[in-house]
Amino acid sequence: MKKRQLRDCAARARTALSSLLLAMAAQAVIAQEPAARDAASADSSPPAEAPSARDLVPLGGQPALPMQADATAHEVRSRTGALMLARVGGTLAYGKAKWWQDGFTGGFKTANEGWFGQGTASGGADKLGHAMFAYTAARLLTRGFEWAGNDSGTSLRLGLWTSVGTLMGVELIDGYSKKWRFSKEDALVDLAGGALGYWMETNPRVDALVDLRLQYSQSAGPAGRHRFDPFGDYSGQRYLVVFKAAGVPALKAHRLLRYVELSIGYGARDFETESRALVSPTRHVYYGVSLNLTELLRSTVFEGSARPSRTQRMTETFLEFVQVPAAAVEADHVIR
């Protein structure tokens, strides 16, 4: 039973984070709509004012989706509703088909899953996965709601509550399902991740200095042995806090130091049932140095771009939340 539960948890993590990557891709794709519309009407419209810095670069220095400044109130409501329906409705529809297919009981049940202890099912990697998903979803949805034509404050609130509200709804439904249980630990990290995403969107200086990223390298454990599985292979995951020299004005102006990043992170290995039978599970603290690929690409491939292209938007969004292993050198401290 425990083995089956671990596989189910991995499957749910894969589904949630796969949805996240699709949202990242959608962010870049929908950014092209205003550009196409503007190009088509260029001959019949008076010259437009140059885009403001807020239109091009949002909090933290990442390219923003151009706001639909000329959208009517009806269009704003329609786009906003479509984003919310896609997020909430899609999650519930998938959950009904894949998570809650065994049905529900009459009572509400809870489970004490623990946090980062040696005796937990995943050493805390699943909890960081919840937090990371809530954090990233809140930020991407905020940008999506801005694209829909909402002002910054409304977009922030909608992004936070749509992200966290959906995850909390899933947890509550779990409490009534036959297969799952409500986890207070999952609920708390969902709230924490969403709140952190909200805070980062409202603090541009901190956002320019710090990234939260997931790094994955295929492990030799059961989940990673047979396929590349960045979302279910907990043993191959590292959750990192990355400090970027480019976020410090004095260092950003330096020819070389602006490409330097320092990181510290956490991961857990061999907590799978199959692995426990052979080796003792371990928890790890990582610290190291990495190359700021976003800065590198801006000064090479994307240099001279008057407005970020779809390719640049997608690339920089991906690099904001994902650490490329080849661009980092990290030391490993084992916590047994």
C-alpha atoms as a PDB file:
ATOM      1  CA  MET A   1       0.000   0.000   0.000  1.00  0.00           C
ATOM      2  CA  LYS A   2       2.800   2.410   0.885  1.00  0.00           C
ATOM      3  CA  LYS A   3       4.536   1.655  -2.411  1.00  0.00           C
ATOM      4  CA  ARG A   4       1.354   2.407  -4.321  1.00  0.00           C
ATOM      5  CA  GLN A   5       0.860   5.657  -2.422  1.00  0.00           C
ATOM      6  CA  LEU A   6       4.379   6.801  -3.309  1.00  0.00           C
ATOM      7  CA  ARG A   7       3.734   6.082  -6.990  1.00  0.00           C
ATOM      8  CA  ASP A   8       0.450   7.985  -6.807  1.00  0.00           C
ATOM      9  CA  CYS A   9       2.179  10.978  -5.175  1.00  0.00           C
ATOM     10  CA  ALA A  10       4.773  10.998  -7.922  1.00  0.00           C
ATOM     11  CA  ALA A  11       2.054  10.894 -10.565  1.00  0.00           C
ATOM     12  CA  ARG A  12       0.269  13.842  -8.989  1.00  0.00           C
ATOM     13  CA  ALA A  13       3.488  15.814  -8.836  1.00  0.00           C
ATOM     14  CA  ARG A  14       4.158  15.110 -12.502  1.00  0.00           C
ATOM     15  CA  THR A  15       0.680  16.281 -13.446  1.00  0.00           C
ATOM     16  CA  ALA A  16       0.843  19.493 -11.431  1.00  0.00           C
ATOM     17  CA  LEU A  17       4.269  20.545 -12.635  1.00  0.00           C
ATOM     18  CA  SER A  18       3.525  19.543 -16.232  1.00  0.00           C
ATOM     19  CA  SER A  19       0.590  21.943 -16.084  1.00  0.00           C
ATOM     20  CA  LEU A  20       2.999  24.565 -14.831  1.00  0.00           C
ATOM     21  CA  LEU A  21       5.289  24.178 -17.836  1.00  0.00           C
ATOM     22  CA  LEU A  22       2.277  24.402 -20.144  1.00  0.00           C
ATOM     23  CA  ALA A  23       1.306  27.650 -18.426  1.00  0.00           C
ATOM     24  CA  MET A  24       4.816  28.983 -18.993  1.00  0.00           C
ATOM     25  CA  ALA A  25       4.563  28.159 -22.686  1.00  0.00           C
ATOM     26  CA  ALA A  26       1.107  29.723 -22.889  1.00  0.00           C
ATOM     27  CA  GLN A  27       2.442  32.913 -21.344  1.00  0.00           C
ATOM     28  CA  ALA A  28       4.911  33.300 -24.189  1.00  0.00           C
ATOM     29  CA  VAL A  29       2.388  32.374 -26.890  1.00  0.00           C
ATOM     30  CA  ILE A  30      -0.347  34.785 -25.865  1.00  0.00           C
ATOM     31  CA  ALA A  31       2.214  37.569 -25.677  1.00  0.00           C
ATOM     32  CA  GLN A  32       2.295  37.566 -29.475  1.00  0.00           C
ATOM     33  CA  GLU A  33      -1.362  38.510 -29.861  1.00  0.00           C
ATOM     34  CA  PRO A  34      -0.939  42.256 -29.201  1.00  0.00           C
ATOM     35  CA  ALA A  35       2.063  42.427 -31.531  1.00  0.00           C
ATOM     36  CA  ALA A  36       0.178  40.762 -34.369  1.00  0.00           C
ATOM     37  CA  ARG A  37      -2.823  43.012 -33.858  1.00  0.00           C
ATOM     38  CA  ASP A  38      -0.687  46.152 -33.807  1.00  0.00           C
ATOM     39  CA  ALA A  39       1.147  45.136 -36.988  1.00  0.00           C
ATOM     40  CA  ALA A  40      -2.116  44.527 -38.820  1.00  0.00           C
ATOM     41  CA  SER A  41      -3.483  47.972 -37.928  1.00  0.00           C
ATOM     42  CA  ALA A  42      -0.268  49.952 -38.333  1.00  0.00           C
ATOM     43  CA  ASP A  43      -1.346  51.554 -41.627  1.00  0.00           C
ATOM     44  CA  SER A  44      -4.689  52.811 -40.320  1.00  0.00           C
ATOM     45  CA  SER A  45      -3.737  53.908 -36.830  1.00  0.00           C
ATOM     46  CA  PRO A  46      -1.793  56.975 -35.656  1.00  0.00           C
ATOM     47  CA  PRO A  47       1.746  56.367 -34.392  1.00  0.00           C
ATOM     48  CA  ALA A  48       1.635  54.780 -30.979  1.00  0.00           C
ATOM     49  CA  GLU A  49       3.646  55.967 -28.046  1.00  0.00           C
ATOM     50  CA  ALA A  50       6.758  54.030 -27.217  1.00  0.00           C
ATOM     51  CA  PRO A  51       6.062  51.205 -24.768  1.00  0.00           C
ATOM     52  CA  SER A  52       6.806  52.035 -21.178  1.00  0.00           C
ATOM     53  CA  ALA A  53       9.364  50.192 -19.091  1.00  0.00           C
ATOM     54  CA  ARG A  54       6.509  48.549 -17.190  1.00  0.00           C
ATOM     55  CA  ASP A  55       5.126  47.143 -20.453  1.00  0.00           C
ATOM     56  CA  LEU A  56       8.474  45.606 -21.381  1.00  0.00           C
ATOM     57  CA  VAL A  57      10.071  44.599 -18.096  1.00  0.00           C
ATOM     58  CA  PRO A  58       7.986  43.650 -15.063  1.00  0.00           C
ATOM     59  CA  LEU A  59       9.044  43.220 -11.491  1.00  0.00           C
ATOM     60  CA  GLY A  60      12.283  41.322 -11.234  1.00  0.00           C
ATOM     61  CA  GLY A  61      13.457  42.189 -14.730  1.00  0.00           C
ATOM     62  CA  GLN A  62      11.664  39.406 -16.601  1.00  0.00           C
ATOM     63  CA  PRO A  63       9.790  40.308 -19.821  1.00  0.00           C
ATOM     64  CA  ALA A  64       6.118  40.962 -19.143  1.00  0.00           C
ATOM     65  CA  LEU A  65       3.087  40.154 -21.220  1.00  0.00           C
ATOM     66  CA  PRO A  66       1.965  43.405 -22.900  1.00  0.00           C
ATOM     67  CA  MET A  67      -1.171  44.649 -21.172  1.00  0.00           C
ATOM     68  CA  GLN A  68      -4.387  44.881 -23.176  1.00  0.00           C
ATOM     69  CA  ALA A  69      -4.691  48.592 -22.531  1.00  0.00           C
ATOM     70  CA  ASP A  70      -7.402  49.107 -25.165  1.00  0.00           C
ATOM     71  CA  ALA A  71      -9.548  46.184 -24.047  1.00  0.00           C
ATOM     72  CA  THR A  72     -13.155  46.889 -23.149  1.00  0.00           C
ATOM     73  CA  ALA A  73     -14.517  45.974 -19.729  1.00  0.00           C
ATOM     74  CA  HIS A  74     -16.353  43.038 -21.293  1.00  0.00           C
ATOM     75  CA  GLU A  75     -13.147  41.765 -22.914  1.00  0.00           C
ATOM     76  CA  VAL A  76     -11.259  42.052 -19.637  1.00  0.00           C
ATOM     77  CA  ARG A  77     -13.950  40.084 -17.805  1.00  0.00           C
ATOM     78  CA  SER A  78     -14.054  37.452 -20.555  1.00  0.00           C
ATOM     79  CA  ARG A  79     -10.278  36.944 -20.596  1.00  0.00           C
ATOM     80  CA  THR A  80     -10.107  36.922 -16.806  1.00  0.00           C
ATOM     81  CA  GLY A  81     -12.904  34.371 -16.582  1.00  0.00           C
ATOM     82  CA  ALA A  82     -11.261  32.205 -19.222  1.00  0.00           C
ATOM     83  CA  LEU A  83      -7.982  32.122 -17.291  1.00  0.00           C
ATOM     84  CA  MET A  84      -9.741  31.240 -14.048  1.00  0.00           C
ATOM     85  CA  LEU A  85     -11.879  28.581 -15.733  1.00  0.00           C
ATOM     86  CA  ALA A  86      -8.829  27.019 -17.371  1.00  0.00           C
ATOM     87  CA  ARG A  87      -6.970  26.866 -14.062  1.00  0.00           C
ATOM     88  CA  VAL A  88      -9.806  25.724 -11.788  1.00  0.00           C
ATOM     89  CA  GLY A  89     -11.895  23.741 -14.238  1.00  0.00           C
ATOM     90  CA  GLY A  90      -8.912  21.974 -15.768  1.00  0.00           C
ATOM     91  CA  THR A  91      -7.603  20.926 -12.361  1.00  0.00           C
ATOM     92  CA  LEU A  92     -10.979  19.636 -11.192  1.00  0.00           C
ATOM     93  CA  ALA A  93     -11.645  17.782 -14.435  1.00  0.00           C
ATOM     94  CA  TYR A  94      -8.272  16.063 -14.291  1.00  0.00           C
ATOM     95  CA  GLY A  95      -8.700  15.288 -10.600  1.00  0.00           C
ATOM     96  CA  LYS A  96     -12.063  13.645 -11.195  1.00  0.00           C
ATOM     97  CA  ALA A  97     -10.550  11.435 -13.882  1.00  0.00           C
ATOM     98  CA  LYS A  98      -7.220  10.588 -12.245  1.00  0.00           C
ATOM     99  CA  TRP A  99      -7.246  11.311  -8.491  1.00  0.00           C
ATOM    100  CA  TRP A 100     -10.781  10.810  -7.263  1.00  0.00           C
ATOM    101  CA  GLN A 101     -11.916   8.032  -9.609  1.00  0.00           C
ATOM    102  CA  ASP A 102     -12.497   5.739  -6.603  1.00  0.00           C
ATOM    103  CA  GLY A 103     -15.210   8.060  -5.329  1.00  0.00           C
ATOM    104  CA  PHE A 104     -15.823   9.733  -1.997  1.00  0.00           C
ATOM    105  CA  THR A 105     -16.805   8.856   1.555  1.00  0.00           C
ATOM    106  CA  GLY A 106     -19.227  10.523   3.920  1.00  0.00           C
ATOM    107  CA  GLY A 107     -16.591  11.810   6.330  1.00  0.00           C
ATOM    108  CA  PHE A 108     -13.631  14.143   6.212  1.00  0.00           C
ATOM    109  CA  LYS A 109     -10.280  12.402   6.834  1.00  0.00           C
ATOM    110  CA  THR A 110      -6.856  13.873   7.539  1.00  0.00           C
ATOM    111  CA  ALA A 111      -3.285  12.557   7.543  1.00  0.00           C
ATOM    112  CA  ASN A 112      -0.157  13.670   9.373  1.00  0.00           C
ATOM    113  CA  GLU A 113       2.558  13.471   6.702  1.00  0.00           C
ATOM    114  CA  GLY A 114       5.354  15.237   8.553  1.00  0.00           C
ATOM    115  CA  TRP A 115       7.826  17.681   7.064  1.00  0.00           C
ATOM    116  CA  PHE A 116      11.501  16.977   6.302  1.00  0.00           C
ATOM    117  CA  GLY A 117      12.235  14.149   8.688  1.00  0.00           C
ATOM    118  CA  GLN A 118      14.108  10.958   7.928  1.00  0.00           C
ATOM    119  CA  GLY A 119      10.956   8.928   8.515  1.00  0.00           C
ATOM    120  CA  THR A 120       8.741  10.821   6.045  1.00  0.00           C
ATOM    121  CA  ALA A 121       7.717   9.444   2.664  1.00  0.00           C
ATOM    122  CA  SER A 122       9.831  11.835   0.586  1.00  0.00           C
ATOM    123  CA  GLY A 123      12.147  13.679   2.964  1.00  0.00           C
ATOM    124  CA  GLY A 124      10.255  16.914   2.334  1.00  0.00           C
ATOM    125  CA  ALA A 125      10.816  16.969  -1.438  1.00  0.00           C
ATOM    126  CA  ASP A 126       7.073  16.661  -1.999  1.00  0.00           C
ATOM    127  CA  LYS A 127       6.441  19.651   0.293  1.00  0.00           C
ATOM    128  CA  LEU A 128       8.924  21.814  -1.595  1.00  0.00           C
ATOM    129  CA  GLY A 129       7.250  20.675  -4.807  1.00  0.00           C
ATOM    130  CA  HIS A 130       3.889  21.940  -3.514  1.00  0.00           C
ATOM    131  CA  ALA A 131       5.403  25.265  -2.483  1.00  0.00           C
ATOM    132  CA  MET A 132       7.256  25.673  -5.765  1.00  0.00           C
ATOM    133  CA  PHE A 133       4.158  24.951  -7.806  1.00  0.00           C
ATOM    134  CA  ALA A 134       2.031  27.430  -5.821  1.00  0.00           C
ATOM    135  CA  TYR A 135       4.778  30.063  -6.043  1.00  0.00           C
ATOM    136  CA  THR A 136       5.297  29.718  -9.787  1.00  0.00           C
ATOM    137  CA  ALA A 137       1.606  29.445 -10.622  1.00  0.00           C
ATOM    138  CA  ALA A 138       0.799  32.586  -8.609  1.00  0.00           C
ATOM    139  CA  ARG A 139       3.445  34.548 -10.498  1.00  0.00           C
ATOM    140  CA  LEU A 140       2.549  33.297 -13.970  1.00  0.00           C
ATOM    141  CA  LEU A 141      -1.166  33.779 -13.366  1.00  0.00           C
ATOM    142  CA  THR A 142      -0.505  37.340 -12.173  1.00  0.00           C
ATOM    143  CA  ARG A 143       1.168  38.082 -15.496  1.00  0.00           C
ATOM    144  CA  GLY A 144      -1.658  36.347 -17.320  1.00  0.00           C
ATOM    145  CA  PHE A 145      -4.293  38.478 -15.587  1.00  0.00           C
ATOM    146  CA  GLU A 146      -2.297  41.602 -16.463  1.00  0.00           C
ATOM    147  CA  TRP A 147      -2.338  40.496 -20.102  1.00  0.00           C
ATOM    148  CA  ALA A 148      -6.122  40.171 -19.797  1.00  0.00           C
ATOM    149  CA  GLY A 149      -6.270  43.906 -19.066  1.00  0.00           C
ATOM    150  CA  ASN A 150      -6.509  43.984 -15.265  1.00  0.00           C
ATOM    151  CA  ASP A 151      -4.488  46.543 -13.314  1.00  0.00           C
ATOM    152  CA  SER A 152      -1.446  45.378 -11.361  1.00  0.00           C
ATOM    153  CA  GLY A 153      -3.153  45.212  -7.965  1.00  0.00           C
ATOM    154  CA  THR A 154      -6.136  43.243  -9.242  1.00  0.00           C
ATOM    155  CA  SER A 155      -3.849  40.903 -11.178  1.00  0.00           C
ATOM    156  CA  LEU A 156      -1.792  40.191  -8.073  1.00  0.00           C
ATOM    157  CA  ARG A 157      -4.850  39.300  -6.010  1.00  0.00           C
ATOM    158  CA  LEU A 158      -6.375  37.188  -8.763  1.00  0.00           C
ATOM    159  CA  GLY A 159      -3.081  35.374  -9.362  1.00  0.00           C
ATOM    160  CA  LEU A 160      -2.653  34.582  -5.686  1.00  0.00           C
ATOM    161  CA  TRP A 161      -6.173  33.405  -4.948  1.00  0.00           C
ATOM    162  CA  THR A 162      -6.647  31.490  -8.186  1.00  0.00           C
ATOM    163  CA  SER A 163      -3.394  29.598  -7.609  1.00  0.00           C
ATOM    164  CA  VAL A 164      -3.748  28.945  -3.891  1.00  0.00           C
ATOM    165  CA  GLY A 165      -7.517  28.573  -3.973  1.00  0.00           C
ATOM    166  CA  THR A 166      -7.326  25.791  -6.536  1.00  0.00           C
ATOM    167  CA  LEU A 167      -4.680  23.901  -4.560  1.00  0.00           C
ATOM    168  CA  MET A 168      -6.613  24.307  -1.304  1.00  0.00           C
ATOM    169  CA  GLY A 169      -9.738  23.063  -3.050  1.00  0.00           C
ATOM    170  CA  VAL A 170      -7.867  19.955  -4.153  1.00  0.00           C
ATOM    171  CA  GLU A 171      -6.705  19.338  -0.581  1.00  0.00           C
ATOM    172  CA  LEU A 172     -10.246  19.695   0.785  1.00  0.00           C
ATOM    173  CA  ILE A 173     -11.648  17.319  -1.825  1.00  0.00           C
ATOM    174  CA  ASP A 174      -8.873  14.864  -0.913  1.00  0.00           C
ATOM    175  CA  GLY A 175     -10.243  14.838   2.616  1.00  0.00           C
ATOM    176  CA  TYR A 176     -13.541  13.393   1.371  1.00  0.00           C
ATOM    177  CA  SER A 177     -12.059  10.992  -1.168  1.00  0.00           C
ATOM    178  CA  LYS A 178     -11.640   7.259  -0.571  1.00  0.00           C
ATOM    179  CA  LYS A 179      -8.041   7.204  -1.761  1.00  0.00           C
ATOM    180  CA  TRP A 180      -6.533  10.386  -0.313  1.00  0.00           C
ATOM    181  CA  ARG A 181      -6.486  12.383   2.918  1.00  0.00           C
ATOM    182  CA  PHE A 182      -6.365  16.079   3.701  1.00  0.00           C
ATOM    183  CA  SER A 183      -2.778  17.055   4.541  1.00  0.00           C
ATOM    184  CA  LYS A 184      -2.305  20.151   6.671  1.00  0.00           C
ATOM    185  CA  GLU A 185       1.355  20.173   5.688  1.00  0.00           C
ATOM    186  CA  ASP A 186       0.473  20.370   1.998  1.00  0.00           C
ATOM    187  CA  ALA A 187      -2.099  23.083   2.689  1.00  0.00           C
ATOM    188  CA  LEU A 188       0.396  25.198   4.624  1.00  0.00           C
ATOM    189  CA  VAL A 189       3.123  24.996   1.998  1.00  0.00           C
ATOM    190  CA  ASP A 190       0.575  25.798  -0.722  1.00  0.00           C
ATOM    191  CA  LEU A 191      -0.297  28.981   1.186  1.00  0.00           C
ATOM    192  CA  ALA A 192       3.346  29.789   1.835  1.00  0.00           C
ATOM    193  CA  GLY A 193       4.334  29.309  -1.795  1.00  0.00           C
ATOM    194  CA  GLY A 194       1.511  31.481  -3.085  1.00  0.00           C
ATOM    195  CA  ALA A 195       2.233  34.202  -0.519  1.00  0.00           C
ATOM    196  CA  LEU A 196       5.911  34.185  -1.450  1.00  0.00           C
ATOM    197  CA  GLY A 197       5.019  34.549  -5.132  1.00  0.00           C
ATOM    198  CA  TYR A 198       2.777  37.521  -4.275  1.00  0.00           C
ATOM    199  CA  TRP A 199       5.527  39.109  -2.180  1.00  0.00           C
ATOM    200  CA  MET A 200       8.145  38.678  -4.888  1.00  0.00           C
ATOM    201  CA  GLU A 201       5.872  40.284  -7.491  1.00  0.00           C
ATOM    202  CA  THR A 202       5.517  43.354  -5.247  1.00  0.00           C
ATOM    203  CA  ASN A 203       9.229  43.672  -4.404  1.00  0.00           C
ATOM    204  CA  PRO A 204      11.141  44.262  -7.648  1.00  0.00           C
ATOM    205  CA  ARG A 205      14.513  44.760  -5.983  1.00  0.00           C
ATOM    206  CA  VAL A 206      14.321  41.427  -4.207  1.00  0.00           C
ATOM    207  CA  ASP A 207      12.970  39.747  -7.325  1.00  0.00           C
ATOM    208  CA  ALA A 208      15.878  41.089  -9.375  1.00  0.00           C
ATOM    209  CA  LEU A 209      18.303  39.670  -6.818  1.00  0.00           C
ATOM    210  CA  VAL A 210      16.746  36.275  -6.001  1.00  0.00           C
ATOM    211  CA  ASP A 211      15.254  33.387  -7.983  1.00  0.00           C
ATOM    212  CA  LEU A 212      13.645  30.177  -6.709  1.00  0.00           C
ATOM    213  CA  ARG A 213      14.427  27.308  -9.077  1.00  0.00           C
ATOM    214  CA  LEU A 214      14.030  23.583  -9.543  1.00  0.00           C
ATOM    215  CA  GLN A 215      17.081  21.665 -10.755  1.00  0.00           C
ATOM    216  CA  TYR A 216      16.754  18.104 -12.005  1.00  0.00           C
ATOM    217  CA  SER A 217      19.244  15.428 -13.023  1.00  0.00           C
ATOM    218  CA  GLN A 218      18.002  11.904 -13.711  1.00  0.00           C
ATOM    219  CA  SER A 219      18.734   9.732 -10.678  1.00  0.00           C
ATOM    220  CA  ALA A 220      19.645   6.082 -10.409  1.00  0.00           C
ATOM    221  CA  GLY A 221      16.615   5.458  -8.196  1.00  0.00           C
ATOM    222  CA  PRO A 222      13.393   3.647  -9.176  1.00  0.00           C
ATOM    223  CA  ALA A 223      11.695   6.729 -10.630  1.00  0.00           C
ATOM    224  CA  GLY A 224      14.692   7.910 -12.634  1.00  0.00           C
ATOM    225  CA  ARG A 225      16.191   4.591 -13.698  1.00  0.00           C
ATOM    226  CA  HIS A 226      13.823   3.970 -16.591  1.00  0.00           C
ATOM    227  CA  ARG A 227      12.947   7.460 -17.837  1.00  0.00           C
ATOM    228  CA  PHE A 228      13.625  11.182 -17.554  1.00  0.00           C
ATOM    229  CA  ASP A 229      11.085  12.193 -14.906  1.00  0.00           C
ATOM    230  CA  PRO A 230      11.777  15.646 -13.411  1.00  0.00           C
ATOM    231  CA  PHE A 231       8.466  15.784 -11.552  1.00  0.00           C
ATOM    232  CA  GLY A 232       8.171  12.312 -10.037  1.00  0.00           C
ATOM    233  CA  ASP A 233      11.851  11.474  -9.529  1.00  0.00           C
ATOM    234  CA  TYR A 234      12.325  13.116  -6.120  1.00  0.00           C
ATOM    235  CA  SER A 235      15.861  11.762  -5.788  1.00  0.00           C
ATOM    236  CA  GLY A 236      16.935  13.798  -8.804  1.00  0.00           C
ATOM    237  CA  GLN A 237      15.431  17.091  -7.645  1.00  0.00           C
ATOM    238  CA  ARG A 238      17.145  20.059  -6.027  1.00  0.00           C
ATOM    239  CA  TYR A 239      15.213  23.110  -4.851  1.00  0.00           C
ATOM    240  CA  LEU A 240      17.442  26.177  -4.975  1.00  0.00           C
ATOM    241  CA  VAL A 241      17.490  29.775  -3.783  1.00  0.00           C
ATOM    242  CA  VAL A 242      19.687  31.617  -6.288  1.00  0.00           C
ATOM    243  CA  PHE A 243      21.299  35.005  -5.637  1.00  0.00           C
ATOM    244  CA  LYS A 244      22.107  36.899  -8.833  1.00  0.00           C
ATOM    245  CA  ALA A 245      24.966  39.399  -9.060  1.00  0.00           C
ATOM    246  CA  ALA A 246      22.990  41.124 -11.820  1.00  0.00           C
ATOM    247  CA  GLY A 247      20.475  42.132  -9.145  1.00  0.00           C
ATOM    248  CA  VAL A 248      23.089  44.369  -7.484  1.00  0.00           C
ATOM    249  CA  PRO A 249      23.473  47.622  -9.476  1.00  0.00           C
ATOM    250  CA  ALA A 250      27.228  47.897  -8.875  1.00  0.00           C
ATOM    251  CA  LEU A 251      27.814  44.301 -10.001  1.00  0.00           C
ATOM    252  CA  LYS A 252      25.404  44.438 -12.938  1.00  0.00           C
ATOM    253  CA  ALA A 253      27.647  47.055 -14.508  1.00  0.00           C
ATOM    254  CA  HIS A 254      30.702  44.811 -14.181  1.00  0.00           C
ATOM    255  CA  ARG A 255      31.756  43.128 -17.409  1.00  0.00           C
ATOM    256  CA  LEU A 256      32.110  39.629 -15.876  1.00  0.00           C
ATOM    257  CA  LEU A 257      30.595  39.555 -12.385  1.00  0.00           C
ATOM    258  CA  ARG A 258      27.089  40.242 -13.682  1.00  0.00           C
ATOM    259  CA  TYR A 259      26.996  36.677 -15.001  1.00  0.00           C
ATOM    260  CA  VAL A 260      27.724  35.116 -11.580  1.00  0.00           C
ATOM    261  CA  GLU A 261      25.114  33.493  -9.326  1.00  0.00           C
ATOM    262  CA  LEU A 262      25.394  31.941  -5.861  1.00  0.00           C
ATOM    263  CA  SER A 263      22.943  29.272  -4.750  1.00  0.00           C
ATOM    264  CA  ILE A 264      21.885  27.224  -1.748  1.00  0.00           C
ATOM    265  CA  GLY A 265      19.346  24.443  -1.836  1.00  0.00           C
ATOM    266  CA  TYR A 266      17.865  21.204  -0.538  1.00  0.00           C
ATOM    267  CA  GLY A 267      17.155  17.737  -1.877  1.00  0.00           C
ATOM    268  CA  ALA A 268      16.323  14.216  -0.689  1.00  0.00           C
ATOM    269  CA  ARG A 269      17.536  10.894  -2.080  1.00  0.00           C
ATOM    270  CA  ASP A 270      16.513   7.253  -1.865  1.00  0.00           C
ATOM    271  CA  PHE A 271      13.256   7.742   0.034  1.00  0.00           C
ATOM    272  CA  GLU A 272      11.428   5.466  -2.423  1.00  0.00           C
ATOM    273  CA  THR A 273      10.366   2.110  -0.992  1.00  0.00           C
ATOM    274  CA  GLU A 274      12.568   0.182  -3.419  1.00  0.00           C
ATOM    275  CA  SER A 275      15.603   2.276  -2.548  1.00  0.00           C
ATOM    276  CA  ARG A 276      15.074   2.027   1.209  1.00  0.00           C
ATOM    277  CA  ALA A 277      15.451  -1.745   0.949  1.00  0.00           C
ATOM    278  CA  LEU A 278      19.036  -1.266  -0.284  1.00  0.00           C
ATOM    279  CA  VAL A 279      20.357   1.996   1.165  1.00  0.00           C
ATOM    280  CA  SER A 280      19.484   4.504   3.868  1.00  0.00           C
ATOM    281  CA  PRO A 281      17.683   7.619   2.611  1.00  0.00           C
ATOM    282  CA  THR A 282      19.607  10.858   2.895  1.00  0.00           C
ATOM    283  CA  ARG A 283      18.821  14.553   2.889  1.00  0.00           C
ATOM    284  CA  HIS A 284      21.173  17.050   1.275  1.00  0.00           C
ATOM    285  CA  VAL A 285      22.084  20.720   1.466  1.00  0.00           C
ATOM    286  CA  TYR A 286      23.640  22.113  -1.701  1.00  0.00           C
ATOM    287  CA  TYR A 287      25.621  25.301  -2.229  1.00  0.00           C
ATOM    288  CA  GLY A 288      27.466  26.483  -5.293  1.00  0.00           C
ATOM    289  CA  VAL A 289      28.115  28.878  -8.151  1.00  0.00           C
ATOM    290  CA  SER A 290      26.244  29.105 -11.448  1.00  0.00           C
ATOM    291  CA  LEU A 291      26.197  31.068 -14.679  1.00  0.00           C
ATOM    292  CA  ASN A 292      23.364  33.536 -15.192  1.00  0.00           C
ATOM    293  CA  LEU A 293      22.088  32.270 -18.528  1.00  0.00           C
ATOM    294  CA  THR A 294      19.453  34.987 -18.803  1.00  0.00           C
ATOM    295  CA  GLU A 295      22.096  37.717 -18.641  1.00  0.00           C
ATOM    296  CA  LEU A 296      24.341  35.794 -21.005  1.00  0.00           C
ATOM    297  CA  LEU A 297      21.598  35.416 -23.620  1.00  0.00           C
ATOM    298  CA  ARG A 298      20.555  39.060 -23.289  1.00  0.00           C
ATOM    299  CA  SER A 299      24.098  40.164 -24.106  1.00  0.00           C
ATOM    300  CA  THR A 300      24.525  37.706 -26.990  1.00  0.00           C
ATOM    301  CA  VAL A 301      21.596  36.016 -28.732  1.00  0.00           C
ATOM    302  CA  PHE A 302      18.971  38.613 -27.763  1.00  0.00           C
ATOM    303  CA  GLU A 303      21.217  41.671 -27.783  1.00  0.00           C
ATOM    304  CA  GLY A 304      19.753  44.691 -29.521  1.00  0.00           C
ATOM    305  CA  SER A 305      16.125  43.547 -29.368  1.00  0.00           C
ATOM    306  CA  ALA A 306      13.863  46.588 -29.062  1.00  0.00           C
ATOM    307  CA  ARG A 307      11.105  44.426 -27.627  1.00  0.00           C
ATOM    308  CA  PRO A 308      11.459  40.882 -26.270  1.00  0.00           C
ATOM    309  CA  SER A 309      10.438  38.280 -28.832  1.00  0.00           C
ATOM    310  CA  ARG A 310       8.267  35.257 -28.099  1.00  0.00           C
ATOM    311  CA  THR A 311      11.397  33.094 -28.005  1.00  0.00           C
ATOM    312  CA  GLN A 312      13.068  35.403 -25.507  1.00  0.00           C
ATOM    313  CA  ARG A 313       9.974  35.535 -23.308  1.00  0.00           C
ATOM    314  CA  MET A 314       9.665  31.768 -23.215  1.00  0.00           C
ATOM    315  CA  THR A 315      13.377  31.261 -22.593  1.00  0.00           C
ATOM    316  CA  GLU A 316      13.643  33.794 -19.780  1.00  0.00           C
ATOM    317  CA  THR A 317      10.461  32.559 -18.107  1.00  0.00           C
ATOM    318  CA  PHE A 318      11.837  29.019 -18.169  1.00  0.00           C
ATOM    319  CA  LEU A 319      15.204  30.106 -16.739  1.00  0.00           C
ATOM    320  CA  GLU A 320      13.492  32.093 -14.000  1.00  0.00           C
ATOM    321  CA  PHE A 321      12.121  28.890 -12.463  1.00  0.00           C
ATOM    322  CA  VAL A 322      14.420  26.127 -13.721  1.00  0.00           C
ATOM    323  CA  GLN A 323      18.145  25.697 -13.021  1.00  0.00           C
ATOM    324  CA  VAL A 324      20.109  24.122 -15.888  1.00  0.00           C
ATOM    325  CA  PRO A 325      22.487  21.584 -14.243  1.00  0.00           C
ATOM    326  CA  ALA A 326      25.283  22.176 -16.760  1.00  0.00           C
ATOM    327  CA  ALA A 327      25.418  25.860 -15.803  1.00  0.00           C
ATOM    328  CA  ALA A 328      26.109  25.194 -12.099  1.00  0.00           C
ATOM    329  CA  VAL A 329      28.860  23.779  -9.883  1.00  0.00           C
ATOM    330  CA  GLU A 330      27.552  22.705  -6.476  1.00  0.00           C
ATOM    331  CA  ALA A 331      28.947  21.144  -3.313  1.00  0.00           C
ATOM    332  CA  ASP A 332      26.901  18.580  -1.389  1.00  0.00           C
ATOM    333  CA  HIS A 333      26.499  18.333   2.395  1.00  0.00           C
ATOM    334  CA  VAL A 334      24.696  15.191   3.573  1.00  0.00           C
ATOM    335  CA  ILE A 335      22.187  15.282   6.427  1.00  0.00           C
ATOM    336  CA  ARG A 336      21.578  11.744   7.686  1.00  0.00           C
END
